[in-house]
Amino acid sequence: MLFANIVNSAGVFLILSAFFLLILGKVKPDNRGYLLMNLVGAGLSAYGSWLIHAIPFVVLEGTWAVVAVVGLLKKVTSDK
């Protein structure tokens, strides 16, 4: 169970760090770093939730990761 806790903690740390940076005005919602922090954080949290069989959180974090991917794709295509 320790590994799952570490994975979940790392994911949540990234998501919350991104949120705090957004609230403090250090990043914008379409910033690549912000979106990447959300993607990696949500991915780690989804995986950690899968490890502990917390399916509702797998769905939540998986959806969060998909939304971050969509945001990144929009950012990449708009920068061209």
N, C-alpha and C. Protein backbone atom coordinates (compact mmCIF):
# COMPACT_ATOMS: atom_id res chain seq x y z
N MET A 1 0.83 -1.20 0.00
CA MET A 1 0.00 0.00 0.00
C MET A 1 0.86 1.26 0.00
N LEU A 2 2.08 1.16 0.45
CA LEU A 2 2.96 2.32 0.51
C LEU A 2 3.20 2.91 -0.87
N PHE A 3 3.46 2.07 -1.88
CA PHE A 3 3.70 2.54 -3.24
C PHE A 3 2.51 3.34 -3.75
N ALA A 4 1.31 2.83 -3.55
CA ALA A 4 0.10 3.52 -4.00
C ALA A 4 -0.03 4.89 -3.33
N ASN A 5 0.30 4.96 -2.05
CA ASN A 5 0.24 6.25 -1.34
C ASN A 5 1.24 7.24 -1.91
N ILE A 6 2.43 6.78 -2.25
CA ILE A 6 3.44 7.66 -2.82
C ILE A 6 2.99 8.18 -4.18
N VAL A 7 2.47 7.28 -5.02
CA VAL A 7 2.00 7.67 -6.35
C VAL A 7 0.86 8.68 -6.23
N ASN A 8 -0.12 8.39 -5.38
CA ASN A 8 -1.25 9.30 -5.18
C ASN A 8 -0.78 10.65 -4.64
N SER A 9 0.11 10.62 -3.69
CA SER A 9 0.61 11.87 -3.09
C SER A 9 1.34 12.73 -4.11
N ALA A 10 2.15 12.11 -4.94
CA ALA A 10 2.86 12.85 -5.98
C ALA A 10 1.87 13.48 -6.96
N GLY A 11 0.85 12.72 -7.35
CA GLY A 11 -0.15 13.24 -8.27
C GLY A 11 -0.92 14.40 -7.68
N VAL A 12 -1.36 14.25 -6.46
CA VAL A 12 -2.12 15.32 -5.81
C VAL A 12 -1.24 16.55 -5.61
N PHE A 13 0.03 16.33 -5.26
CA PHE A 13 0.95 17.46 -5.11
C PHE A 13 1.06 18.26 -6.40
N LEU A 14 1.19 17.58 -7.53
CA LEU A 14 1.29 18.28 -8.82
C LEU A 14 0.02 19.04 -9.14
N ILE A 15 -1.13 18.40 -8.94
CA ILE A 15 -2.41 19.07 -9.23
C ILE A 15 -2.59 20.31 -8.36
N LEU A 16 -2.33 20.17 -7.07
CA LEU A 16 -2.50 21.30 -6.16
C LEU A 16 -1.46 22.40 -6.42
N SER A 17 -0.26 22.01 -6.78
CA SER A 17 0.77 23.01 -7.11
C SER A 17 0.33 23.83 -8.32
N ALA A 18 -0.18 23.14 -9.33
CA ALA A 18 -0.67 23.84 -10.52
C ALA A 18 -1.81 24.79 -10.15
N PHE A 19 -2.70 24.33 -9.31
CA PHE A 19 -3.83 25.16 -8.88
C PHE A 19 -3.35 26.40 -8.14
N PHE A 20 -2.41 26.22 -7.21
CA PHE A 20 -1.89 27.36 -6.46
C PHE A 20 -1.19 28.35 -7.37
N LEU A 21 -0.41 27.85 -8.33
CA LEU A 21 0.25 28.75 -9.28
C LEU A 21 -0.77 29.53 -10.09
N LEU A 22 -1.87 28.89 -10.45
CA LEU A 22 -2.93 29.57 -11.19
C LEU A 22 -3.58 30.65 -10.33
N ILE A 23 -3.91 30.31 -9.11
CA ILE A 23 -4.57 31.25 -8.20
C ILE A 23 -3.65 32.44 -7.89
N LEU A 24 -2.37 32.20 -7.78
CA LEU A 24 -1.41 33.27 -7.49
C LEU A 24 -1.07 34.10 -8.72
N GLY A 25 -1.61 33.72 -9.88
CA GLY A 25 -1.37 34.47 -11.10
C GLY A 25 -0.02 34.20 -11.74
N LYS A 26 0.63 33.13 -11.34
CA LYS A 26 1.95 32.79 -11.89
C LYS A 26 1.84 32.09 -13.24
N VAL A 27 0.71 31.46 -13.51
CA VAL A 27 0.47 30.79 -14.79
C VAL A 27 -0.94 31.12 -15.26
N LYS A 28 -1.16 30.91 -16.53
CA LYS A 28 -2.50 31.09 -17.10
C LYS A 28 -3.07 29.71 -17.38
N PRO A 29 -4.40 29.59 -17.50
CA PRO A 29 -5.01 28.26 -17.71
C PRO A 29 -4.56 27.55 -18.98
N ASP A 30 -4.08 28.30 -19.98
CA ASP A 30 -3.62 27.66 -21.21
C ASP A 30 -2.10 27.51 -21.27
N ASN A 31 -1.42 27.73 -20.15
CA ASN A 31 0.02 27.57 -20.07
C ASN A 31 0.38 26.09 -20.16
N ARG A 32 1.37 25.79 -21.00
CA ARG A 32 1.77 24.37 -21.19
C ARG A 32 2.21 23.71 -19.89
N GLY A 33 2.97 24.44 -19.08
CA GLY A 33 3.42 23.88 -17.81
C GLY A 33 2.26 23.54 -16.89
N TYR A 34 1.29 24.44 -16.84
CA TYR A 34 0.10 24.21 -16.03
C TYR A 34 -0.65 22.97 -16.52
N LEU A 35 -0.83 22.88 -17.82
CA LEU A 35 -1.55 21.74 -18.38
C LEU A 35 -0.77 20.43 -18.18
N LEU A 36 0.54 20.50 -18.33
CA LEU A 36 1.36 19.30 -18.10
C LEU A 36 1.33 18.85 -16.64
N MET A 37 1.38 19.82 -15.73
CA MET A 37 1.29 19.47 -14.30
C MET A 37 -0.04 18.79 -14.01
N ASN A 38 -1.12 19.29 -14.61
CA ASN A 38 -2.43 18.67 -14.42
C ASN A 38 -2.48 17.28 -15.05
N LEU A 39 -1.91 17.13 -16.24
CA LEU A 39 -1.92 15.84 -16.92
C LEU A 39 -1.13 14.79 -16.14
N VAL A 40 0.09 15.12 -15.77
CA VAL A 40 0.92 14.17 -15.03
C VAL A 40 0.33 13.89 -13.65
N GLY A 41 -0.10 14.94 -12.98
CA GLY A 41 -0.70 14.76 -11.65
C GLY A 41 -1.95 13.91 -11.69
N ALA A 42 -2.82 14.19 -12.64
CA ALA A 42 -4.05 13.41 -12.75
C ALA A 42 -3.75 11.98 -13.16
N GLY A 43 -2.77 11.81 -14.05
CA GLY A 43 -2.39 10.46 -14.46
C GLY A 43 -1.85 9.65 -13.30
N LEU A 44 -0.98 10.27 -12.51
CA LEU A 44 -0.46 9.57 -11.32
C LEU A 44 -1.57 9.25 -10.32
N SER A 45 -2.45 10.21 -10.11
CA SER A 45 -3.55 9.99 -9.17
C SER A 45 -4.50 8.90 -9.66
N ALA A 46 -4.75 8.88 -10.96
CA ALA A 46 -5.61 7.82 -11.52
C ALA A 46 -4.96 6.46 -11.34
N TYR A 47 -3.67 6.38 -11.62
CA TYR A 47 -2.96 5.12 -11.44
C TYR A 47 -2.94 4.69 -9.98
N GLY A 48 -2.65 5.62 -9.09
CA GLY A 48 -2.65 5.31 -7.67
C GLY A 48 -4.02 4.87 -7.18
N SER A 49 -5.05 5.50 -7.71
CA SER A 49 -6.42 5.11 -7.34
C SER A 49 -6.75 3.72 -7.86
N TRP A 50 -6.23 3.40 -9.04
CA TRP A 50 -6.43 2.06 -9.60
C TRP A 50 -5.76 1.01 -8.69
N LEU A 51 -4.57 1.35 -8.19
CA LEU A 51 -3.85 0.42 -7.33
C LEU A 51 -4.61 0.09 -6.05
N ILE A 52 -5.39 1.05 -5.56
CA ILE A 52 -6.14 0.79 -4.33
C ILE A 52 -7.61 0.48 -4.62
N HIS A 53 -7.92 0.28 -5.90
CA HIS A 53 -9.27 -0.12 -6.34
C HIS A 53 -10.34 0.92 -5.98
N ALA A 54 -9.98 2.19 -6.09
CA ALA A 54 -10.93 3.28 -5.84
C ALA A 54 -11.43 3.78 -7.20
N ILE A 55 -12.33 3.01 -7.80
CA ILE A 55 -12.78 3.24 -9.17
C ILE A 55 -13.40 4.63 -9.37
N PRO A 56 -14.21 5.15 -8.45
CA PRO A 56 -14.72 6.52 -8.69
C PRO A 56 -13.61 7.55 -8.87
N PHE A 57 -12.51 7.38 -8.16
CA PHE A 57 -11.40 8.31 -8.30
C PHE A 57 -10.59 8.06 -9.57
N VAL A 58 -10.58 6.81 -10.03
CA VAL A 58 -9.97 6.52 -11.32
C VAL A 58 -10.72 7.28 -12.41
N VAL A 59 -12.05 7.26 -12.34
CA VAL A 59 -12.87 7.97 -13.32
C VAL A 59 -12.62 9.48 -13.21
N LEU A 60 -12.63 10.00 -12.00
CA LEU A 60 -12.41 11.44 -11.79
C LEU A 60 -11.06 11.87 -12.32
N GLU A 61 -10.02 11.21 -11.90
CA GLU A 61 -8.66 11.61 -12.30
C GLU A 61 -8.40 11.30 -13.76
N GLY A 62 -8.96 10.22 -14.27
CA GLY A 62 -8.82 9.90 -15.68
C GLY A 62 -9.47 10.97 -16.54
N THR A 63 -10.63 11.44 -16.13
CA THR A 63 -11.31 12.51 -16.85
C THR A 63 -10.48 13.79 -16.79
N TRP A 64 -9.93 14.08 -15.63
CA TRP A 64 -9.08 15.26 -15.45
C TRP A 64 -7.90 15.19 -16.41
N ALA A 65 -7.29 14.01 -16.54
CA ALA A 65 -6.15 13.84 -17.44
C ALA A 65 -6.57 14.05 -18.90
N VAL A 66 -7.73 13.53 -19.28
CA VAL A 66 -8.21 13.69 -20.65
C VAL A 66 -8.45 15.17 -20.95
N VAL A 67 -9.04 15.89 -20.01
CA VAL A 67 -9.27 17.32 -20.20
C VAL A 67 -7.94 18.06 -20.37
N ALA A 68 -6.94 17.68 -19.59
CA ALA A 68 -5.62 18.30 -19.72
C ALA A 68 -5.01 18.00 -21.09
N VAL A 69 -5.19 16.78 -21.59
CA VAL A 69 -4.69 16.43 -22.93
C VAL A 69 -5.38 17.29 -23.99
N VAL A 70 -6.69 17.45 -23.87
CA VAL A 70 -7.43 18.29 -24.81
C VAL A 70 -6.89 19.73 -24.77
N GLY A 71 -6.66 20.24 -23.59
CA GLY A 71 -6.11 21.59 -23.44
C GLY A 71 -4.73 21.70 -24.08
N LEU A 72 -3.89 20.69 -23.87
CA LEU A 72 -2.56 20.71 -24.47
C LEU A 72 -2.64 20.65 -25.99
N LEU A 73 -3.52 19.80 -26.52
CA LEU A 73 -3.68 19.72 -27.97
C LEU A 73 -4.17 21.04 -28.56
N LYS A 74 -5.10 21.67 -27.88
CA LYS A 74 -5.57 22.98 -28.34
C LYS A 74 -4.44 24.00 -28.33
N LYS A 75 -3.62 23.97 -27.28
CA LYS A 75 -2.49 24.89 -27.16
C LYS A 75 -1.48 24.64 -28.28
N VAL A 76 -1.15 23.40 -28.52
CA VAL A 76 -0.16 23.06 -29.54
C VAL A 76 -0.65 23.45 -30.91
N THR A 77 -1.92 23.19 -31.22
CA THR A 77 -2.43 23.52 -32.55
C THR A 77 -2.63 25.03 -32.73
N SER A 78 -2.90 25.75 -31.67
CA SER A 78 -3.09 27.20 -31.78
C SER A 78 -1.76 27.95 -31.89
N ASP A 79 -0.67 27.32 -31.45
CA ASP A 79 0.64 27.95 -31.51
C ASP A 79 1.27 27.88 -32.90
N LYS A 80 0.68 27.12 -33.79
CA LYS A 80 1.26 26.96 -35.14
C LYS A 80 0.90 28.08 -36.04
